[in-house]
């Protein structure tokens, strides 16, 4: 992750942790976006409703 800023590194780590929880790729504003380190001004590195709903669909409530 050379060349990534701290926010991008955080996004990638959160994204990859999501994969360890069996979550797939999501829409552009989700943590599980297919390119978490790509510049996205809407990305806050916080879980979005899509991420949370995806988790619940895999693991239950």
N, C-alpha and C. Protein backbone atom coordinates (compact mmCIF):
# COMPACT_ATOMS: atom_id res chain seq x y z
N UNK A 1 0.83 -1.19 0.00
CA UNK A 1 0.00 0.00 0.00
C UNK A 1 0.87 1.25 0.00
N UNK A 2 2.05 1.11 -0.56
CA UNK A 2 2.91 2.28 -0.69
C UNK A 2 2.21 3.35 -1.51
N UNK A 3 2.30 4.56 -1.07
CA UNK A 3 1.69 5.66 -1.79
C UNK A 3 0.26 5.95 -1.37
N UNK A 4 -0.33 5.11 -0.54
CA UNK A 4 -1.69 5.36 -0.05
C UNK A 4 -1.63 6.26 1.18
N UNK A 5 -2.58 7.17 1.30
CA UNK A 5 -2.63 7.97 2.52
C UNK A 5 -3.34 7.16 3.61
N UNK A 6 -3.39 7.69 4.81
CA UNK A 6 -3.96 6.95 5.94
C UNK A 6 -5.43 6.60 5.72
N UNK A 7 -6.18 7.51 5.13
CA UNK A 7 -7.59 7.26 4.87
C UNK A 7 -7.77 6.10 3.88
N UNK A 8 -6.94 6.07 2.84
CA UNK A 8 -7.01 4.98 1.87
C UNK A 8 -6.62 3.64 2.50
N UNK A 9 -5.59 3.66 3.34
CA UNK A 9 -5.18 2.43 4.02
C UNK A 9 -6.30 1.91 4.92
N UNK A 10 -6.93 2.81 5.64
CA UNK A 10 -8.05 2.43 6.51
C UNK A 10 -9.17 1.82 5.69
N UNK A 11 -9.48 2.43 4.55
CA UNK A 11 -10.54 1.92 3.68
C UNK A 11 -10.22 0.52 3.18
N UNK A 12 -8.98 0.29 2.77
CA UNK A 12 -8.59 -1.02 2.26
C UNK A 12 -8.66 -2.08 3.37
N UNK A 13 -8.17 -1.75 4.54
CA UNK A 13 -8.19 -2.71 5.65
C UNK A 13 -9.63 -3.05 6.06
N UNK A 14 -10.48 -2.04 6.13
CA UNK A 14 -11.89 -2.28 6.47
C UNK A 14 -12.56 -3.13 5.41
N UNK A 15 -12.27 -2.82 4.15
CA UNK A 15 -12.82 -3.57 3.02
C UNK A 15 -12.40 -5.04 3.08
N UNK A 16 -11.12 -5.28 3.29
CA UNK A 16 -10.61 -6.65 3.32
C UNK A 16 -11.15 -7.41 4.53
N UNK A 17 -11.35 -6.74 5.65
CA UNK A 17 -11.98 -7.37 6.80
C UNK A 17 -13.40 -7.78 6.45
N UNK A 18 -14.09 -6.95 5.68
CA UNK A 18 -15.42 -7.31 5.22
C UNK A 18 -15.42 -8.60 4.42
N UNK A 19 -14.41 -8.78 3.57
CA UNK A 19 -14.31 -10.04 2.83
C UNK A 19 -14.11 -11.22 3.78
N UNK A 20 -13.38 -11.01 4.86
CA UNK A 20 -13.19 -12.11 5.81
C UNK A 20 -14.51 -12.49 6.48
N UNK A 21 -15.48 -11.59 6.45
CA UNK A 21 -16.82 -11.86 6.97
C UNK A 21 -17.77 -12.34 5.88
N UNK A 22 -17.20 -12.69 4.72
CA UNK A 22 -17.95 -13.22 3.57
C UNK A 22 -18.82 -12.17 2.88
N UNK A 23 -18.46 -10.90 2.99
CA UNK A 23 -19.20 -9.86 2.30
C UNK A 23 -18.62 -9.66 0.90
N UNK A 24 -19.50 -9.41 -0.04
CA UNK A 24 -19.08 -9.17 -1.42
C UNK A 24 -18.95 -7.68 -1.69
N UNK A 25 -18.66 -7.35 -2.93
CA UNK A 25 -18.53 -5.94 -3.32
C UNK A 25 -19.89 -5.28 -3.37
N UNK A 26 -19.89 -3.99 -3.03
CA UNK A 26 -21.13 -3.22 -2.99
C UNK A 26 -21.07 -1.99 -3.86
N UNK A 27 -22.02 -1.10 -3.64
CA UNK A 27 -22.08 0.13 -4.43
C UNK A 27 -20.95 1.10 -4.06
N UNK A 28 -20.82 2.14 -4.84
CA UNK A 28 -19.69 3.07 -4.74
C UNK A 28 -19.52 3.69 -3.36
N UNK A 29 -20.58 3.95 -2.64
CA UNK A 29 -20.41 4.63 -1.34
C UNK A 29 -20.25 3.67 -0.17
N UNK A 30 -20.32 2.36 -0.43
CA UNK A 30 -20.19 1.37 0.64
C UNK A 30 -18.72 1.09 0.93
N UNK A 31 -18.44 0.66 2.15
CA UNK A 31 -17.08 0.23 2.50
C UNK A 31 -16.67 -0.93 1.59
N UNK A 32 -17.63 -1.73 1.17
CA UNK A 32 -17.33 -2.87 0.32
C UNK A 32 -17.34 -2.52 -1.17
N UNK A 33 -17.15 -1.26 -1.48
CA UNK A 33 -16.94 -0.80 -2.86
C UNK A 33 -15.82 -1.63 -3.48
N UNK A 34 -15.89 -1.91 -4.77
CA UNK A 34 -14.87 -2.75 -5.41
C UNK A 34 -13.50 -2.10 -5.47
N UNK A 35 -13.41 -0.82 -5.23
CA UNK A 35 -12.11 -0.13 -5.21
C UNK A 35 -12.06 0.82 -4.02
N UNK A 36 -11.86 0.29 -2.82
CA UNK A 36 -11.92 1.14 -1.63
C UNK A 36 -10.85 2.22 -1.56
N UNK A 37 -9.73 2.03 -2.23
CA UNK A 37 -8.66 3.02 -2.16
C UNK A 37 -8.77 4.07 -3.25
N UNK A 38 -9.69 3.86 -4.20
CA UNK A 38 -9.90 4.86 -5.25
C UNK A 38 -10.47 6.13 -4.63
N UNK A 39 -10.14 7.24 -5.18
CA UNK A 39 -10.66 8.49 -4.63
C UNK A 39 -12.16 8.54 -4.78
N UNK A 40 -12.85 8.72 -3.69
CA UNK A 40 -14.30 8.85 -3.69
C UNK A 40 -14.67 9.87 -2.63
N UNK A 41 -15.08 11.05 -3.02
CA UNK A 41 -15.39 12.10 -2.04
C UNK A 41 -16.56 11.76 -1.14
N UNK A 42 -17.37 10.77 -1.53
CA UNK A 42 -18.51 10.35 -0.70
C UNK A 42 -18.13 9.30 0.34
N UNK A 43 -16.91 8.78 0.26
CA UNK A 43 -16.49 7.71 1.15
C UNK A 43 -16.06 8.27 2.49
N UNK A 44 -16.64 7.75 3.55
CA UNK A 44 -16.29 8.24 4.88
C UNK A 44 -15.53 7.20 5.69
N UNK A 45 -15.28 6.02 5.14
CA UNK A 45 -14.64 4.91 5.84
C UNK A 45 -15.50 4.37 6.97
N UNK A 46 -16.74 4.80 7.04
CA UNK A 46 -17.67 4.27 8.02
C UNK A 46 -18.62 3.31 7.33
N UNK A 47 -19.11 2.33 8.07
CA UNK A 47 -20.06 1.39 7.50
C UNK A 47 -21.30 2.14 7.04
N UNK A 48 -21.76 1.81 5.85
CA UNK A 48 -22.96 2.39 5.28
C UNK A 48 -24.10 1.39 5.43
N UNK A 49 -25.31 1.82 5.18
CA UNK A 49 -26.46 0.92 5.35
C UNK A 49 -26.32 -0.32 4.47
N UNK A 50 -25.74 -0.19 3.27
CA UNK A 50 -25.56 -1.35 2.41
C UNK A 50 -24.64 -2.37 3.09
N UNK A 51 -23.55 -1.91 3.70
CA UNK A 51 -22.61 -2.80 4.37
C UNK A 51 -23.29 -3.54 5.53
N UNK A 52 -24.05 -2.81 6.32
CA UNK A 52 -24.73 -3.39 7.48
C UNK A 52 -25.79 -4.39 7.03
N UNK A 53 -26.57 -4.03 6.03
CA UNK A 53 -27.60 -4.95 5.52
C UNK A 53 -26.98 -6.20 4.91
N UNK A 54 -25.85 -6.03 4.23
CA UNK A 54 -25.16 -7.18 3.65
C UNK A 54 -24.68 -8.12 4.75
N UNK A 55 -24.12 -7.55 5.81
CA UNK A 55 -23.67 -8.36 6.94
C UNK A 55 -24.85 -9.16 7.52
N UNK A 56 -25.97 -8.50 7.73
CA UNK A 56 -27.14 -9.17 8.31
C UNK A 56 -27.70 -10.24 7.36
N UNK A 57 -27.59 -10.02 6.06
CA UNK A 57 -28.10 -11.03 5.13
C UNK A 57 -27.22 -12.28 5.15
N UNK A 58 -25.94 -12.11 5.46
CA UNK A 58 -25.02 -13.26 5.54
C UNK A 58 -25.11 -13.92 6.92
N UNK A 59 -25.12 -13.13 7.96
CA UNK A 59 -24.97 -13.64 9.32
C UNK A 59 -26.24 -13.57 10.18
N UNK A 60 -27.27 -12.96 9.69
CA UNK A 60 -28.49 -12.81 10.49
C UNK A 60 -28.41 -11.57 11.37
N UNK A 61 -29.46 -11.37 12.14
CA UNK A 61 -29.53 -10.15 12.97
C UNK A 61 -28.66 -10.19 14.17
